[in-house]
Amino acid sequence: MPDDLPRVGQVYRVQPWIFLDGDPKGGRPVVVVRPPRGAGDLMTVVERTSTRLDLRGIAHPADPLLGLDRDGRWVHRFTRTVAETLFRPPNVQLLGILGPPFLDDVIRMWEEW
């Protein structure tokens, strides 16, 4: 896989318009759970919310290293598929890597739910 393609576990702040779902919020954190196999391929991410903590998902504390200043939840309902061609700056900004055990839990959620 080329080095410039997104990888599993990378956390990005994305402009939600790339998901074409009408989300009015500015930037949303997402984690890559299925990377593109090559340029132009589809990829899958899971969004994090800090306001809908009642939704089914993986709890995740605030993480200043990722620029996440509030407790939140990686929510299965907010799993999104997007074309890799849209998943590029200025539409996205790499924040870092989601570490264990949270990444393992998010991937398990995505695979099993």
PDB file of N, CA and C in Angstrom:
ATOM      1  N   MET A   1       0.843  -1.170   0.000  1.00  0.00           N
ATOM      2  CA  MET A   1       0.000   0.000   0.000  1.00  0.00           C
ATOM      3  C   MET A   1       0.896   1.244   0.000  1.00  0.00           C
ATOM      4  N   PRO A   2       0.614   2.210  -0.874  1.00  0.00           N
ATOM      5  CA  PRO A   2       1.420   3.435  -0.871  1.00  0.00           C
ATOM      6  C   PRO A   2       1.370   4.137   0.476  1.00  0.00           C
ATOM      7  N   ASP A   3       2.460   4.799   0.833  1.00  0.00           N
ATOM      8  CA  ASP A   3       2.585   5.448   2.142  1.00  0.00           C
ATOM      9  C   ASP A   3       1.571   6.563   2.372  1.00  0.00           C
ATOM     10  N   ASP A   4       1.077   7.176   1.302  1.00  0.00           N
ATOM     11  CA  ASP A   4       0.196   8.321   1.479  1.00  0.00           C
ATOM     12  C   ASP A   4      -1.277   7.940   1.651  1.00  0.00           C
ATOM     13  N   LEU A   5      -1.611   6.653   1.561  1.00  0.00           N
ATOM     14  CA  LEU A   5      -2.996   6.233   1.770  1.00  0.00           C
ATOM     15  C   LEU A   5      -3.280   6.070   3.259  1.00  0.00           C
ATOM     16  N   PRO A   6      -4.524   6.361   3.661  1.00  0.00           N
ATOM     17  CA  PRO A   6      -4.887   6.174   5.067  1.00  0.00           C
ATOM     18  C   PRO A   6      -4.697   4.727   5.508  1.00  0.00           C
ATOM     19  N   ARG A   7      -4.407   4.562   6.803  1.00  0.00           N
ATOM     20  CA  ARG A   7      -4.155   3.239   7.377  1.00  0.00           C
ATOM     21  C   ARG A   7      -5.084   2.997   8.567  1.00  0.00           C
ATOM     22  N   VAL A   8      -5.308   1.721   8.856  1.00  0.00           N
ATOM     23  CA  VAL A   8      -6.135   1.344  10.005  1.00  0.00           C
ATOM     24  C   VAL A   8      -5.561   1.989  11.267  1.00  0.00           C
ATOM     25  N   GLY A   9      -6.462   2.584  12.048  1.00  0.00           N
ATOM     26  CA  GLY A   9      -6.077   3.183  13.319  1.00  0.00           C
ATOM     27  C   GLY A   9      -5.767   4.662  13.245  1.00  0.00           C
ATOM     28  N   GLN A  10      -5.574   5.202  12.046  1.00  0.00           N
ATOM     29  CA  GLN A  10      -5.316   6.633  11.951  1.00  0.00           C
ATOM     30  C   GLN A  10      -6.600   7.402  12.253  1.00  0.00           C
ATOM     31  N   VAL A  11      -6.450   8.461  13.033  1.00  0.00           N
ATOM     32  CA  VAL A  11      -7.567   9.323  13.393  1.00  0.00           C
ATOM     33  C   VAL A  11      -7.428  10.621  12.608  1.00  0.00           C
ATOM     34  N   TYR A  12      -8.513  11.026  12.001  1.00  0.00           N
ATOM     35  CA  TYR A  12      -8.558  12.250  11.200  1.00  0.00           C
ATOM     36  C   TYR A  12      -9.688  13.138  11.671  1.00  0.00           C
ATOM     37  N   ARG A  13      -9.531  14.434  11.464  1.00  0.00           N
ATOM     38  CA  ARG A  13     -10.660  15.359  11.575  1.00  0.00           C
ATOM     39  C   ARG A  13     -11.105  15.591  10.127  1.00  0.00           C
ATOM     40  N   VAL A  14     -12.385  15.310   9.876  1.00  0.00           N
ATOM     41  CA  VAL A  14     -12.889  15.376   8.500  1.00  0.00           C
ATOM     42  C   VAL A  14     -13.995  16.412   8.375  1.00  0.00           C
ATOM     43  N   GLN A  15     -14.131  16.934   7.188  1.00  0.00           N
ATOM     44  CA  GLN A  15     -15.274  17.769   6.846  1.00  0.00           C
ATOM     45  C   GLN A  15     -16.419  16.815   6.504  1.00  0.00           C
ATOM     46  N   PRO A  16     -17.523  16.834   7.265  1.00  0.00           N
ATOM     47  CA  PRO A  16     -18.554  15.815   7.099  1.00  0.00           C
ATOM     48  C   PRO A  16     -19.237  15.815   5.739  1.00  0.00           C
ATOM     49  N   TRP A  17     -19.122  16.878   4.963  1.00  0.00           N
ATOM     50  CA  TRP A  17     -19.773  16.885   3.657  1.00  0.00           C
ATOM     51  C   TRP A  17     -19.258  15.760   2.762  1.00  0.00           C
ATOM     52  N   ILE A  18     -18.046  15.224   3.035  1.00  0.00           N
ATOM     53  CA  ILE A  18     -17.520  14.166   2.172  1.00  0.00           C
ATOM     54  C   ILE A  18     -18.334  12.875   2.297  1.00  0.00           C
ATOM     55  N   PHE A  19     -19.150  12.759   3.359  1.00  0.00           N
ATOM     56  CA  PHE A  19     -19.998  11.577   3.529  1.00  0.00           C
ATOM     57  C   PHE A  19     -21.370  11.758   2.878  1.00  0.00           C
ATOM     58  N   LEU A  20     -21.665  12.968   2.411  1.00  0.00           N
ATOM     59  CA  LEU A  20     -22.916  13.259   1.716  1.00  0.00           C
ATOM     60  C   LEU A  20     -24.146  12.895   2.548  1.00  0.00           C
ATOM     61  N   ASP A  21     -24.069  13.161   3.874  1.00  0.00           N
ATOM     62  CA  ASP A  21     -25.190  12.802   4.739  1.00  0.00           C
ATOM     63  C   ASP A  21     -25.861  14.005   5.393  1.00  0.00           C
ATOM     64  N   GLY A  22     -25.486  15.213   4.998  1.00  0.00           N
ATOM     65  CA  GLY A  22     -26.142  16.410   5.499  1.00  0.00           C
ATOM     66  C   GLY A  22     -25.755  16.831   6.905  1.00  0.00           C
ATOM     67  N   ASP A  23     -24.686  16.280   7.457  1.00  0.00           N
ATOM     68  CA  ASP A  23     -24.241  16.644   8.807  1.00  0.00           C
ATOM     69  C   ASP A  23     -23.800  18.102   8.801  1.00  0.00           C
ATOM     70  N   PRO A  24     -24.413  18.942   9.660  1.00  0.00           N
ATOM     71  CA  PRO A  24     -24.092  20.371   9.646  1.00  0.00           C
ATOM     72  C   PRO A  24     -22.827  20.751  10.418  1.00  0.00           C
ATOM     73  N   LYS A  25     -22.283  19.841  11.230  1.00  0.00           N
ATOM     74  CA  LYS A  25     -21.130  20.187  12.063  1.00  0.00           C
ATOM     75  C   LYS A  25     -19.884  20.421  11.213  1.00  0.00           C
ATOM     76  N   GLY A  26     -18.977  21.247  11.708  1.00  0.00           N
ATOM     77  CA  GLY A  26     -17.742  21.560  10.996  1.00  0.00           C
ATOM     78  C   GLY A  26     -16.832  20.367  10.796  1.00  0.00           C
ATOM     79  N   GLY A  27     -16.012  20.031  11.779  1.00  0.00           N
ATOM     80  CA  GLY A  27     -15.090  18.909  11.644  1.00  0.00           C
ATOM     81  C   GLY A  27     -15.431  17.798  12.606  1.00  0.00           C
ATOM     82  N   ARG A  28     -15.337  16.571  12.144  1.00  0.00           N
ATOM     83  CA  ARG A  28     -15.649  15.408  12.986  1.00  0.00           C
ATOM     84  C   ARG A  28     -14.449  14.482  13.051  1.00  0.00           C
ATOM     85  N   PRO A  29     -14.142  13.932  14.241  1.00  0.00           N
ATOM     86  CA  PRO A  29     -13.080  12.931  14.315  1.00  0.00           C
ATOM     87  C   PRO A  29     -13.590  11.578  13.830  1.00  0.00           C
ATOM     88  N   VAL A  30     -12.761  10.898  13.058  1.00  0.00           N
ATOM     89  CA  VAL A  30     -13.069   9.543  12.586  1.00  0.00           C
ATOM     90  C   VAL A  30     -11.806   8.697  12.718  1.00  0.00           C
ATOM     91  N   VAL A  31     -12.011   7.377  12.823  1.00  0.00           N
ATOM     92  CA  VAL A  31     -10.884   6.447  12.829  1.00  0.00           C
ATOM     93  C   VAL A  31     -11.068   5.494  11.656  1.00  0.00           C
ATOM     94  N   VAL A  32      -9.980   5.189  10.969  1.00  0.00           N
ATOM     95  CA  VAL A  32     -10.017   4.283   9.824  1.00  0.00           C
ATOM     96  C   VAL A  32     -10.089   2.846  10.329  1.00  0.00           C
ATOM     97  N   VAL A  33     -11.123   2.103   9.863  1.00  0.00           N
ATOM     98  CA  VAL A  33     -11.236   0.684  10.213  1.00  0.00           C
ATOM     99  C   VAL A  33     -11.015  -0.213   8.992  1.00  0.00           C
ATOM    100  N   ARG A  34     -11.213   0.313   7.801  1.00  0.00           N
ATOM    101  CA  ARG A  34     -10.907  -0.417   6.569  1.00  0.00           C
ATOM    102  C   ARG A  34     -10.268   0.575   5.610  1.00  0.00           C
ATOM    103  N   PRO A  35      -8.965   0.430   5.388  1.00  0.00           N
ATOM    104  CA  PRO A  35      -8.276   1.388   4.521  1.00  0.00           C
ATOM    105  C   PRO A  35      -8.559   1.090   3.044  1.00  0.00           C
ATOM    106  N   PRO A  36      -8.270   2.053   2.190  1.00  0.00           N
ATOM    107  CA  PRO A  36      -8.385   1.771   0.757  1.00  0.00           C
ATOM    108  C   PRO A  36      -7.269   0.816   0.329  1.00  0.00           C
ATOM    109  N   ARG A  37      -7.574  -0.056  -0.629  1.00  0.00           N
ATOM    110  CA  ARG A  37      -6.549  -0.971  -1.148  1.00  0.00           C
ATOM    111  C   ARG A  37      -5.617  -0.271  -2.131  1.00  0.00           C
ATOM    112  N   GLY A  38      -6.083   0.830  -2.654  1.00  0.00           N
ATOM    113  CA  GLY A  38      -5.287   1.602  -3.600  1.00  0.00           C
ATOM    114  C   GLY A  38      -5.962   2.935  -3.851  1.00  0.00           C
ATOM    115  N   ALA A  39      -5.314   3.783  -4.625  1.00  0.00           N
ATOM    116  CA  ALA A  39      -5.859   5.097  -4.937  1.00  0.00           C
ATOM    117  C   ALA A  39      -7.219   4.943  -5.600  1.00  0.00           C
ATOM    118  N   GLY A  40      -8.188   5.725  -5.136  1.00  0.00           N
ATOM    119  CA  GLY A  40      -9.522   5.722  -5.711  1.00  0.00           C
ATOM    120  C   GLY A  40     -10.463   4.689  -5.114  1.00  0.00           C
ATOM    121  N   ASP A  41      -9.980   3.804  -4.244  1.00  0.00           N
ATOM    122  CA  ASP A  41     -10.810   2.770  -3.629  1.00  0.00           C
ATOM    123  C   ASP A  41     -11.685   3.387  -2.532  1.00  0.00           C
ATOM    124  N   LEU A  42     -12.698   2.631  -2.130  1.00  0.00           N
ATOM    125  CA  LEU A  42     -13.510   3.027  -0.988  1.00  0.00           C
ATOM    126  C   LEU A  42     -12.806   2.636   0.305  1.00  0.00           C
ATOM    127  N   MET A  43     -13.115   3.352   1.363  1.00  0.00           N
ATOM    128  CA  MET A  43     -12.568   3.068   2.686  1.00  0.00           C
ATOM    129  C   MET A  43     -13.680   3.255   3.702  1.00  0.00           C
ATOM    130  N   THR A  44     -13.487   2.704   4.910  1.00  0.00           N
ATOM    131  CA  THR A  44     -14.509   2.789   5.941  1.00  0.00           C
ATOM    132  C   THR A  44     -13.919   3.410   7.198  1.00  0.00           C
ATOM    133  N   VAL A  45     -14.687   4.319   7.784  1.00  0.00           N
ATOM    134  CA  VAL A  45     -14.294   4.991   9.023  1.00  0.00           C
ATOM    135  C   VAL A  45     -15.460   4.932  10.004  1.00  0.00           C
ATOM    136  N   VAL A  46     -15.138   5.112  11.287  1.00  0.00           N
ATOM    137  CA  VAL A  46     -16.153   5.222  12.336  1.00  0.00           C
ATOM    138  C   VAL A  46     -15.996   6.595  12.973  1.00  0.00           C
ATOM    139  N   GLU A  47     -17.103   7.322  13.060  1.00  0.00           N
ATOM    140  CA  GLU A  47     -17.091   8.658  13.652  1.00  0.00           C
ATOM    141  C   GLU A  47     -17.153   8.588  15.172  1.00  0.00           C
ATOM    142  N   ARG A  48     -16.595   9.628  15.775  1.00  0.00           N
ATOM    143  CA  ARG A  48     -16.636   9.795  17.236  1.00  0.00           C
ATOM    144  C   ARG A  48     -17.561  10.958  17.547  1.00  0.00           C
ATOM    145  N   THR A  49     -18.383  10.779  18.565  1.00  0.00           N
ATOM    146  CA  THR A  49     -19.248  11.860  19.031  1.00  0.00           C
ATOM    147  C   THR A  49     -18.933  12.172  20.487  1.00  0.00           C
ATOM    148  N   SER A  50     -19.067  13.433  20.850  1.00  0.00           N
ATOM    149  CA  SER A  50     -18.918  13.820  22.250  1.00  0.00           C
ATOM    150  C   SER A  50     -20.244  14.335  22.797  1.00  0.00           C
ATOM    151  N   THR A  51     -21.300  14.256  21.990  1.00  0.00           N
ATOM    152  CA  THR A  51     -22.607  14.735  22.439  1.00  0.00           C
ATOM    153  C   THR A  51     -23.652  13.625  22.528  1.00  0.00           C
ATOM    154  N   ARG A  52     -23.505  12.564  21.766  1.00  0.00           N
ATOM    155  CA  ARG A  52     -24.487  11.463  21.752  1.00  0.00           C
ATOM    156  C   ARG A  52     -23.926  10.258  22.499  1.00  0.00           C
ATOM    157  N   LEU A  53     -23.625  10.446  23.773  1.00  0.00           N
ATOM    158  CA  LEU A  53     -23.018   9.387  24.570  1.00  0.00           C
ATOM    159  C   LEU A  53     -23.993   8.266  24.910  1.00  0.00           C
ATOM    160  N   ASP A  54     -25.267   8.442  24.572  1.00  0.00           N
ATOM    161  CA  ASP A  54     -26.283   7.422  24.797  1.00  0.00           C
ATOM    162  C   ASP A  54     -26.270   6.350  23.698  1.00  0.00           C
ATOM    163  N   LEU A  55     -25.580   6.613  22.591  1.00  0.00           N
ATOM    164  CA  LEU A  55     -25.570   5.678  21.472  1.00  0.00           C
ATOM    165  C   LEU A  55     -24.624   4.515  21.724  1.00  0.00           C
ATOM    166  N   ARG A  56     -24.933   3.381  21.116  1.00  0.00           N
ATOM    167  CA  ARG A  56     -24.125   2.173  21.247  1.00  0.00           C
ATOM    168  C   ARG A  56     -22.777   2.380  20.572  1.00  0.00           C
ATOM    169  N   GLY A  57     -21.733   2.097  21.324  1.00  0.00           N
ATOM    170  CA  GLY A  57     -20.399   2.274  20.775  1.00  0.00           C
ATOM    171  C   GLY A  57     -19.334   2.050  21.832  1.00  0.00           C
ATOM    172  N   ILE A  58     -18.132   2.513  21.521  1.00  0.00           N
ATOM    173  CA  ILE A  58     -16.975   2.325  22.390  1.00  0.00           C
ATOM    174  C   ILE A  58     -16.653   3.650  23.070  1.00  0.00           C
ATOM    175  N   ALA A  59     -16.752   3.663  24.404  1.00  0.00           N
ATOM    176  CA  ALA A  59     -16.430   4.875  25.162  1.00  0.00           C
ATOM    177  C   ALA A  59     -14.945   5.188  25.005  1.00  0.00           C
ATOM    178  N   HIS A  60     -14.651   6.481  24.904  1.00  0.00           N
ATOM    179  CA  HIS A  60     -13.271   6.927  24.704  1.00  0.00           C
ATOM    180  C   HIS A  60     -13.080   8.246  25.454  1.00  0.00           C
ATOM    181  N   PRO A  61     -12.131   8.289  26.389  1.00  0.00           N
ATOM    182  CA  PRO A  61     -11.921   9.526  27.147  1.00  0.00           C
ATOM    183  C   PRO A  61     -11.312  10.619  26.269  1.00  0.00           C
ATOM    184  N   ALA A  62     -11.400  11.831  26.769  1.00  0.00           N
ATOM    185  CA  ALA A  62     -10.717  12.940  26.102  1.00  0.00           C
ATOM    186  C   ALA A  62      -9.259  12.539  25.868  1.00  0.00           C
ATOM    187  N   ASP A  63      -8.714  12.958  24.743  1.00  0.00           N
ATOM    188  CA  ASP A  63      -7.341  12.592  24.388  1.00  0.00           C
ATOM    189  C   ASP A  63      -6.649  13.806  23.770  1.00  0.00           C
ATOM    190  N   PRO A  64      -5.975  14.608  24.608  1.00  0.00           N
ATOM    191  CA  PRO A  64      -5.333  15.825  24.108  1.00  0.00           C
ATOM    192  C   PRO A  64      -4.312  15.566  22.994  1.00  0.00           C
ATOM    193  N   LEU A  65      -3.669  14.399  23.009  1.00  0.00           N
ATOM    194  CA  LEU A  65      -2.693  14.087  21.961  1.00  0.00           C
ATOM    195  C   LEU A  65      -3.348  13.973  20.591  1.00  0.00           C
ATOM    196  N   LEU A  66      -4.636  13.635  20.571  1.00  0.00           N
ATOM    197  CA  LEU A  66      -5.380  13.560  19.310  1.00  0.00           C
ATOM    198  C   LEU A  66      -6.230  14.813  19.072  1.00  0.00           C
ATOM    199  N   GLY A  67      -6.113  15.791  19.972  1.00  0.00           N
ATOM    200  CA  GLY A  67      -6.912  17.000  19.831  1.00  0.00           C
ATOM    201  C   GLY A  67      -8.374  16.795  20.208  1.00  0.00           C
ATOM    202  N   LEU A  68      -8.652  15.767  21.006  1.00  0.00           N
ATOM    203  CA  LEU A  68     -10.015  15.455  21.427  1.00  0.00           C
ATOM    204  C   LEU A  68     -10.167  15.906  22.877  1.00  0.00           C
ATOM    205  N   ASP A  69     -10.808  17.051  23.078  1.00  0.00           N
ATOM    206  CA  ASP A  69     -10.820  17.679  24.391  1.00  0.00           C
ATOM    207  C   ASP A  69     -12.007  17.277  25.269  1.00  0.00           C
ATOM    208  N   ARG A  70     -12.875  16.404  24.766  1.00  0.00           N
ATOM    209  CA  ARG A  70     -14.023  15.948  25.548  1.00  0.00           C
ATOM    210  C   ARG A  70     -14.139  14.426  25.476  1.00  0.00           C
ATOM    211  N   ASP A  71     -14.683  13.844  26.544  1.00  0.00           N
ATOM    212  CA  ASP A  71     -14.988  12.417  26.499  1.00  0.00           C
ATOM    213  C   ASP A  71     -15.950  12.184  25.337  1.00  0.00           C
ATOM    214  N   GLY A  72     -15.853  10.994  24.745  1.00  0.00           N
ATOM    215  CA  GLY A  72     -16.712  10.709  23.606  1.00  0.00           C
ATOM    216  C   GLY A  72     -16.965   9.228  23.441  1.00  0.00           C
ATOM    217  N   ARG A  73     -17.465   8.890  22.269  1.00  0.00           N
ATOM    218  CA  ARG A  73     -17.834   7.514  21.963  1.00  0.00           C
ATOM    219  C   ARG A  73     -17.669   7.311  20.462  1.00  0.00           C
ATOM    220  N   TRP A  74     -16.973   6.214  20.091  1.00  0.00           N
ATOM    221  CA  TRP A  74     -16.882   5.786  18.695  1.00  0.00           C
ATOM    222  C   TRP A  74     -18.159   4.991  18.438  1.00  0.00           C
ATOM    223  N   VAL A  75     -19.013   5.460  17.529  1.00  0.00           N
ATOM    224  CA  VAL A  75     -20.377   4.945  17.411  1.00  0.00           C
ATOM    225  C   VAL A  75     -20.566   4.134  16.126  1.00  0.00           C
ATOM    226  N   HIS A  76     -21.020   2.899  16.315  1.00  0.00           N
ATOM    227  CA  HIS A  76     -21.242   1.999  15.168  1.00  0.00           C
ATOM    228  C   HIS A  76     -22.234   2.600  14.173  1.00  0.00           C
ATOM    229  N   ARG A  77     -23.263   3.244  14.679  1.00  0.00           N
ATOM    230  CA  ARG A  77     -24.266   3.881  13.814  1.00  0.00           C
ATOM    231  C   ARG A  77     -23.637   4.921  12.878  1.00  0.00           C
ATOM    232  N   PHE A  78     -22.511   5.451  13.277  1.00  0.00           N
ATOM    233  CA  PHE A  78     -21.828   6.466  12.478  1.00  0.00           C
ATOM    234  C   PHE A  78     -20.663   5.882  11.688  1.00  0.00           C
ATOM    235  N   THR A  79     -20.802   4.639  11.245  1.00  0.00           N
ATOM    236  CA  THR A  79     -19.830   4.039  10.337  1.00  0.00           C
ATOM    237  C   THR A  79     -20.087   4.620   8.953  1.00  0.00           C
ATOM    238  N   ARG A  80     -19.048   5.072   8.307  1.00  0.00           N
ATOM    239  CA  ARG A  80     -19.187   5.734   7.004  1.00  0.00           C
ATOM    240  C   ARG A  80     -18.230   5.117   5.987  1.00  0.00           C
ATOM    241  N   THR A  81     -18.693   5.038   4.758  1.00  0.00           N
ATOM    242  CA  THR A  81     -17.843   4.624   3.645  1.00  0.00           C
ATOM    243  C   THR A  81     -17.631   5.854   2.779  1.00  0.00           C
ATOM    244  N   VAL A  82     -16.393   6.038   2.357  1.00  0.00           N
ATOM    245  CA  VAL A  82     -16.053   7.239   1.585  1.00  0.00           C
ATOM    246  C   VAL A  82     -15.000   6.889   0.546  1.00  0.00           C
ATOM    247  N   ALA A  83     -15.044   7.588  -0.561  1.00  0.00           N
ATOM    248  CA  ALA A  83     -14.029   7.408  -1.597  1.00  0.00           C
ATOM    249  C   ALA A  83     -12.706   7.999  -1.118  1.00  0.00           C
ATOM    250  N   GLU A  84     -11.639   7.261  -1.318  1.00  0.00           N
ATOM    251  CA  GLU A  84     -10.309   7.734  -0.925  1.00  0.00           C
ATOM    252  C   GLU A  84      -9.988   9.065  -1.592  1.00  0.00           C
ATOM    253  N   THR A  85     -10.512   9.304  -2.775  1.00  0.00           N
ATOM    254  CA  THR A  85     -10.224  10.552  -3.498  1.00  0.00           C
ATOM    255  C   THR A  85     -10.756  11.778  -2.764  1.00  0.00           C
ATOM    256  N   LEU A  86     -11.780  11.606  -1.920  1.00  0.00           N
ATOM    257  CA  LEU A  86     -12.301  12.718  -1.110  1.00  0.00           C
ATOM    258  C   LEU A  86     -11.580  12.835   0.228  1.00  0.00           C
ATOM    259  N   PHE A  87     -10.859  11.784   0.602  1.00  0.00           N
ATOM    260  CA  PHE A  87     -10.230  11.707   1.917  1.00  0.00           C
ATOM    261  C   PHE A  87      -8.812  12.259   1.844  1.00  0.00           C
ATOM    262  N   ARG A  88      -8.719  13.510   1.459  1.00  0.00           N
ATOM    263  CA  ARG A  88      -7.418  14.186   1.293  1.00  0.00           C
ATOM    264  C   ARG A  88      -7.534  15.628   1.770  1.00  0.00           C
ATOM    265  N   PRO A  89      -6.399  16.227   2.179  1.00  0.00           N
ATOM    266  CA  PRO A  89      -6.429  17.647   2.543  1.00  0.00           C
ATOM    267  C   PRO A  89      -6.938  18.468   1.357  1.00  0.00           C
ATOM    268  N   PRO A  90      -7.692  19.504   1.599  1.00  0.00           N
ATOM    269  CA  PRO A  90      -8.058  20.117   2.890  1.00  0.00           C
ATOM    270  C   PRO A  90      -9.297  19.501   3.534  1.00  0.00           C
ATOM    271  N   ASN A  91      -9.844  18.430   2.952  1.00  0.00           N
ATOM    272  CA  ASN A  91     -11.055  17.810   3.502  1.00  0.00           C
ATOM    273  C   ASN A  91     -10.797  17.068   4.805  1.00  0.00           C
ATOM    274  N   VAL A  92      -9.556  16.609   5.006  1.00  0.00           N
ATOM    275  CA  VAL A  92      -9.210  15.845   6.206  1.00  0.00           C
ATOM    276  C   VAL A  92      -7.882  16.334   6.772  1.00  0.00           C
ATOM    277  N   GLN A  93      -7.717  16.116   8.074  1.00  0.00           N
ATOM    278  CA  GLN A  93      -6.459  16.448   8.757  1.00  0.00           C
ATOM    279  C   GLN A  93      -6.096  15.277   9.659  1.00  0.00           C
ATOM    280  N   LEU A  94      -4.919  14.707   9.478  1.00  0.00           N
ATOM    281  CA  LEU A  94      -4.461  13.599  10.311  1.00  0.00           C
ATOM    282  C   LEU A  94      -4.170  14.112  11.719  1.00  0.00           C
ATOM    283  N   LEU A  95      -4.771  13.449  12.726  1.00  0.00           N
ATOM    284  CA  LEU A  95      -4.581  13.837  14.126  1.00  0.00           C
ATOM    285  C   LEU A  95      -3.612  12.919  14.855  1.00  0.00           C
ATOM    286  N   GLY A  96      -3.527  11.657  14.421  1.00  0.00           N
ATOM    287  CA  GLY A  96      -2.659  10.698  15.090  1.00  0.00           C
ATOM    288  C   GLY A  96      -3.191   9.293  14.944  1.00  0.00           C
ATOM    289  N   ILE A  97      -2.782   8.435  15.880  1.00  0.00           N
ATOM    290  CA  ILE A  97      -3.148   7.023  15.860  1.00  0.00           C
ATOM    291  C   ILE A  97      -3.958   6.692  17.113  1.00  0.00           C
ATOM    292  N   LEU A  98      -5.069   5.979  16.933  1.00  0.00           N
ATOM    293  CA  LEU A  98      -5.849   5.503  18.067  1.00  0.00           C
ATOM    294  C   LEU A  98      -5.184   4.242  18.593  1.00  0.00           C
ATOM    295  N   GLY A  99      -4.770   4.287  19.837  1.00  0.00           N
ATOM    296  CA  GLY A  99      -4.033   3.169  20.411  1.00  0.00           C
ATOM    297  C   GLY A  99      -4.923   2.141  21.080  1.00  0.00           C
ATOM    298  N   PRO A 100      -4.285   1.041  21.516  1.00  0.00           N
ATOM    299  CA  PRO A 100      -5.014   0.021  22.259  1.00  0.00           C
ATOM    300  C   PRO A 100      -5.367   0.559  23.647  1.00  0.00           C
ATOM    301  N   PRO A 101      -6.410   0.071  24.238  1.00  0.00           N
ATOM    302  CA  PRO A 101      -7.307  -0.982  23.744  1.00  0.00           C
ATOM    303  C   PRO A 101      -8.423  -0.445  22.868  1.00  0.00           C
ATOM    304  N   PHE A 102      -8.497   0.887  22.700  1.00  0.00           N
ATOM    305  CA  PHE A 102      -9.623   1.494  21.988  1.00  0.00           C
ATOM    306  C   PHE A 102      -9.702   1.059  20.529  1.00  0.00           C
ATOM    307  N   LEU A 103      -8.566   1.036  19.824  1.00  0.00           N
ATOM    308  CA  LEU A 103      -8.601   0.625  18.419  1.00  0.00           C
ATOM    309  C   LEU A 103      -9.094  -0.811  18.291  1.00  0.00           C
ATOM    310  N   ASP A 104      -8.582  -1.698  19.129  1.00  0.00           N
ATOM    311  CA  ASP A 104      -9.019  -3.096  19.083  1.00  0.00           C
ATOM    312  C   ASP A 104     -10.530  -3.197  19.300  1.00  0.00           C
ATOM    313  N   ASP A 105     -11.043  -2.433  20.253  1.00  0.00           N
ATOM    314  CA  ASP A 105     -12.476  -2.465  20.556  1.00  0.00           C
ATOM    315  C   ASP A 105     -13.305  -1.906  19.402  1.00  0.00           C
ATOM    316  N   VAL A 106     -12.853  -0.822  18.779  1.00  0.00           N
ATOM    317  CA  VAL A 106     -13.586  -0.236  17.648  1.00  0.00           C
ATOM    318  C   VAL A 106     -13.604  -1.207  16.473  1.00  0.00           C
ATOM    319  N   ILE A 107     -12.489  -1.822  16.176  1.00  0.00           N
ATOM    320  CA  ILE A 107     -12.446  -2.782  15.063  1.00  0.00           C
ATOM    321  C   ILE A 107     -13.340  -3.975  15.347  1.00  0.00           C
ATOM    322  N   ARG A 108     -13.303  -4.484  16.564  1.00  0.00           N
ATOM    323  CA  ARG A 108     -14.160  -5.602  16.941  1.00  0.00           C
ATOM    324  C   ARG A 108     -15.635  -5.205  16.793  1.00  0.00           C
ATOM    325  N   MET A 109     -15.986  -4.010  17.245  1.00  0.00           N
ATOM    326  CA  MET A 109     -17.352  -3.515  17.103  1.00  0.00           C
ATOM    327  C   MET A 109     -17.750  -3.484  15.639  1.00  0.00           C
ATOM    328  N   TRP A 110     -16.899  -2.931  14.796  1.00  0.00           N
ATOM    329  CA  TRP A 110     -17.195  -2.801  13.371  1.00  0.00           C
ATOM    330  C   TRP A 110     -17.348  -4.177  12.713  1.00  0.00           C
ATOM    331  N   GLU A 111     -16.524  -5.115  13.079  1.00  0.00           N
ATOM    332  CA  GLU A 111     -16.569  -6.443  12.471  1.00  0.00           C
ATOM    333  C   GLU A 111     -17.748  -7.276  12.955  1.00  0.00           C
ATOM    334  N   GLU A 112     -18.138  -7.126  14.234  1.00  0.00           N
ATOM    335  CA  GLU A 112     -19.107  -8.046  14.831  1.00  0.00           C
ATOM    336  C   GLU A 112     -20.531  -7.510  14.923  1.00  0.00           C
ATOM    337  N   TRP A 113     -20.738  -6.211  14.971  1.00  0.00           N
ATOM    338  CA  TRP A 113     -22.086  -5.692  15.196  1.00  0.00           C
ATOM    339  C   TRP A 113     -22.876  -5.654  13.925  1.00  0.00           C
TER     340      TRP A 113
END
